[in-house]
């Protein structure tokens, strides 16, 4: 509905901006996973990723 859209605090962004933000978010998550994996290895534990999440595909 056009009337409701006018009341929402939305802003138009380019596809490139969206893709860039997604890439940065994915890189950040990968960095966190690497740090967690490293910390677990230092403690003699193994990192087993949870493959049941749909966001990995």
N, C-alpha and C. Protein backbone atom coordinates (compact mmCIF):
# COMPACT_ATOMS: atom_id res chain seq x y z
N UNK A 1 0.84 -1.17 0.00
CA UNK A 1 0.00 0.00 0.00
C UNK A 1 0.89 1.24 0.00
N UNK A 2 0.66 2.11 -0.94
CA UNK A 2 1.50 3.31 -1.11
C UNK A 2 1.42 4.26 0.09
N UNK A 3 0.25 4.37 0.69
CA UNK A 3 0.09 5.27 1.84
C UNK A 3 0.93 4.79 3.02
N UNK A 4 0.94 3.51 3.26
CA UNK A 4 1.72 2.96 4.37
C UNK A 4 3.21 3.08 4.10
N UNK A 5 3.62 2.93 2.84
CA UNK A 5 5.04 3.05 2.49
C UNK A 5 5.57 4.44 2.82
N UNK A 6 4.75 5.44 2.62
CA UNK A 6 5.18 6.82 2.88
C UNK A 6 5.48 7.05 4.35
N UNK A 7 4.81 6.33 5.22
CA UNK A 7 4.97 6.50 6.67
C UNK A 7 6.15 5.72 7.23
N UNK A 8 6.68 4.78 6.47
CA UNK A 8 7.79 3.96 6.96
C UNK A 8 9.13 4.65 6.72
N UNK A 9 10.07 4.49 7.66
CA UNK A 9 11.39 5.11 7.48
C UNK A 9 12.29 4.28 6.56
N UNK A 10 11.93 4.19 5.29
CA UNK A 10 12.68 3.39 4.33
C UNK A 10 13.53 4.30 3.45
N UNK A 11 14.63 3.76 2.99
CA UNK A 11 15.45 4.50 2.04
C UNK A 11 15.85 3.57 0.91
N UNK A 12 15.96 4.11 -0.27
CA UNK A 12 16.32 3.32 -1.44
C UNK A 12 17.83 3.14 -1.49
N UNK A 13 18.26 1.91 -1.74
CA UNK A 13 19.69 1.62 -1.85
C UNK A 13 19.91 0.80 -3.11
N UNK A 14 21.13 0.84 -3.60
CA UNK A 14 21.45 0.10 -4.82
C UNK A 14 21.70 -1.37 -4.50
N UNK A 15 21.59 -2.18 -5.52
CA UNK A 15 21.87 -3.61 -5.37
C UNK A 15 23.32 -3.81 -4.94
N UNK A 16 24.22 -3.00 -5.48
CA UNK A 16 25.64 -3.11 -5.11
C UNK A 16 25.84 -2.85 -3.63
N UNK A 17 25.11 -1.88 -3.07
CA UNK A 17 25.22 -1.61 -1.64
C UNK A 17 24.74 -2.80 -0.81
N UNK A 18 23.67 -3.42 -1.26
CA UNK A 18 23.14 -4.58 -0.54
C UNK A 18 24.12 -5.74 -0.61
N UNK A 19 24.65 -6.00 -1.79
CA UNK A 19 25.61 -7.09 -1.95
C UNK A 19 26.88 -6.84 -1.13
N UNK A 20 27.32 -5.58 -1.09
CA UNK A 20 28.51 -5.23 -0.32
C UNK A 20 28.26 -5.45 1.18
N UNK A 21 27.09 -5.05 1.64
CA UNK A 21 26.75 -5.24 3.06
C UNK A 21 26.66 -6.73 3.40
N UNK A 22 26.09 -7.52 2.50
CA UNK A 22 26.01 -8.96 2.74
C UNK A 22 27.40 -9.58 2.77
N UNK A 23 28.27 -9.14 1.88
CA UNK A 23 29.63 -9.66 1.84
C UNK A 23 30.37 -9.34 3.13
N UNK A 24 30.25 -8.08 3.59
CA UNK A 24 30.90 -7.68 4.85
C UNK A 24 30.36 -8.49 6.03
N UNK A 25 29.06 -8.70 6.06
CA UNK A 25 28.45 -9.47 7.14
C UNK A 25 28.95 -10.92 7.12
N UNK A 26 29.05 -11.50 5.94
CA UNK A 26 29.53 -12.88 5.82
C UNK A 26 31.00 -12.98 6.23
N UNK A 27 31.81 -12.00 5.81
CA UNK A 27 33.22 -12.01 6.19
C UNK A 27 33.38 -11.88 7.70
N UNK A 28 32.57 -11.04 8.31
CA UNK A 28 32.62 -10.86 9.76
C UNK A 28 32.27 -12.16 10.48
N UNK A 29 31.23 -12.84 10.00
CA UNK A 29 30.84 -14.11 10.60
C UNK A 29 31.94 -15.15 10.42
N UNK A 30 32.57 -15.18 9.26
CA UNK A 30 33.66 -16.13 9.02
C UNK A 30 34.85 -15.83 9.94
N UNK A 31 35.14 -14.54 10.14
CA UNK A 31 36.23 -14.17 11.05
C UNK A 31 35.93 -14.63 12.48
N UNK A 32 34.69 -14.44 12.91
CA UNK A 32 34.29 -14.89 14.24
C UNK A 32 34.41 -16.40 14.36
N UNK A 33 33.99 -17.11 13.33
CA UNK A 33 34.10 -18.58 13.34
C UNK A 33 35.55 -19.02 13.40
N UNK A 34 36.43 -18.33 12.65
CA UNK A 34 37.86 -18.68 12.67
C UNK A 34 38.45 -18.46 14.07
N UNK A 35 38.09 -17.34 14.69
CA UNK A 35 38.60 -17.06 16.03
C UNK A 35 38.09 -18.09 17.04
N UNK A 36 36.83 -18.46 16.91
CA UNK A 36 36.27 -19.47 17.81
C UNK A 36 36.97 -20.81 17.59
N UNK A 37 37.18 -21.17 16.34
CA UNK A 37 37.85 -22.43 16.02
C UNK A 37 39.26 -22.44 16.59
N UNK A 38 39.97 -21.32 16.44
CA UNK A 38 41.34 -21.21 16.95
C UNK A 38 41.35 -21.35 18.47
N UNK A 39 40.43 -20.66 19.14
CA UNK A 39 40.36 -20.72 20.60
C UNK A 39 40.06 -22.13 21.08
N UNK A 40 39.17 -22.82 20.39
CA UNK A 40 38.85 -24.19 20.78
C UNK A 40 40.03 -25.11 20.56
N UNK A 41 40.73 -24.94 19.45
CA UNK A 41 41.90 -25.78 19.17
C UNK A 41 42.98 -25.57 20.23
N UNK A 42 43.16 -24.31 20.67
CA UNK A 42 44.15 -24.02 21.70
C UNK A 42 43.81 -24.71 23.01
N UNK A 43 42.54 -25.00 23.20
CA UNK A 43 42.10 -25.68 24.43
C UNK A 43 41.97 -27.19 24.23
N UNK A 44 42.38 -27.66 23.05
CA UNK A 44 42.35 -29.09 22.78
C UNK A 44 40.98 -29.61 22.38
N UNK A 45 40.10 -28.72 21.96
CA UNK A 45 38.76 -29.12 21.56
C UNK A 45 38.61 -29.01 20.05
N UNK A 46 37.67 -29.75 19.50
CA UNK A 46 37.42 -29.69 18.06
C UNK A 46 36.18 -28.86 17.79
N UNK A 47 36.24 -28.09 16.72
CA UNK A 47 35.11 -27.29 16.29
C UNK A 47 34.30 -28.10 15.30
N UNK A 48 33.02 -28.32 15.62
CA UNK A 48 32.12 -29.04 14.72
C UNK A 48 31.01 -28.08 14.33
N UNK A 49 31.03 -27.59 13.09
CA UNK A 49 30.00 -26.64 12.68
C UNK A 49 28.62 -27.29 12.64
N UNK A 50 27.64 -26.52 13.01
CA UNK A 50 26.26 -26.99 12.98
C UNK A 50 25.73 -26.81 11.56
N UNK A 51 25.59 -27.89 10.84
CA UNK A 51 25.19 -27.82 9.44
C UNK A 51 23.67 -27.82 9.26
N UNK A 52 22.93 -27.72 10.33
CA UNK A 52 21.48 -27.76 10.22
C UNK A 52 20.88 -26.39 9.92
N UNK A 53 21.68 -25.33 9.95
CA UNK A 53 21.16 -23.99 9.69
C UNK A 53 21.00 -23.77 8.20
N UNK A 54 19.87 -23.22 7.81
CA UNK A 54 19.61 -22.95 6.40
C UNK A 54 20.42 -21.79 5.87
N UNK A 55 20.90 -20.90 6.73
CA UNK A 55 21.62 -19.72 6.27
C UNK A 55 22.99 -20.06 5.70
N UNK A 56 23.41 -21.30 5.80
CA UNK A 56 24.70 -21.69 5.25
C UNK A 56 24.59 -22.03 3.78
N UNK A 57 23.38 -22.11 3.25
CA UNK A 57 23.19 -22.52 1.86
C UNK A 57 22.54 -21.44 1.05
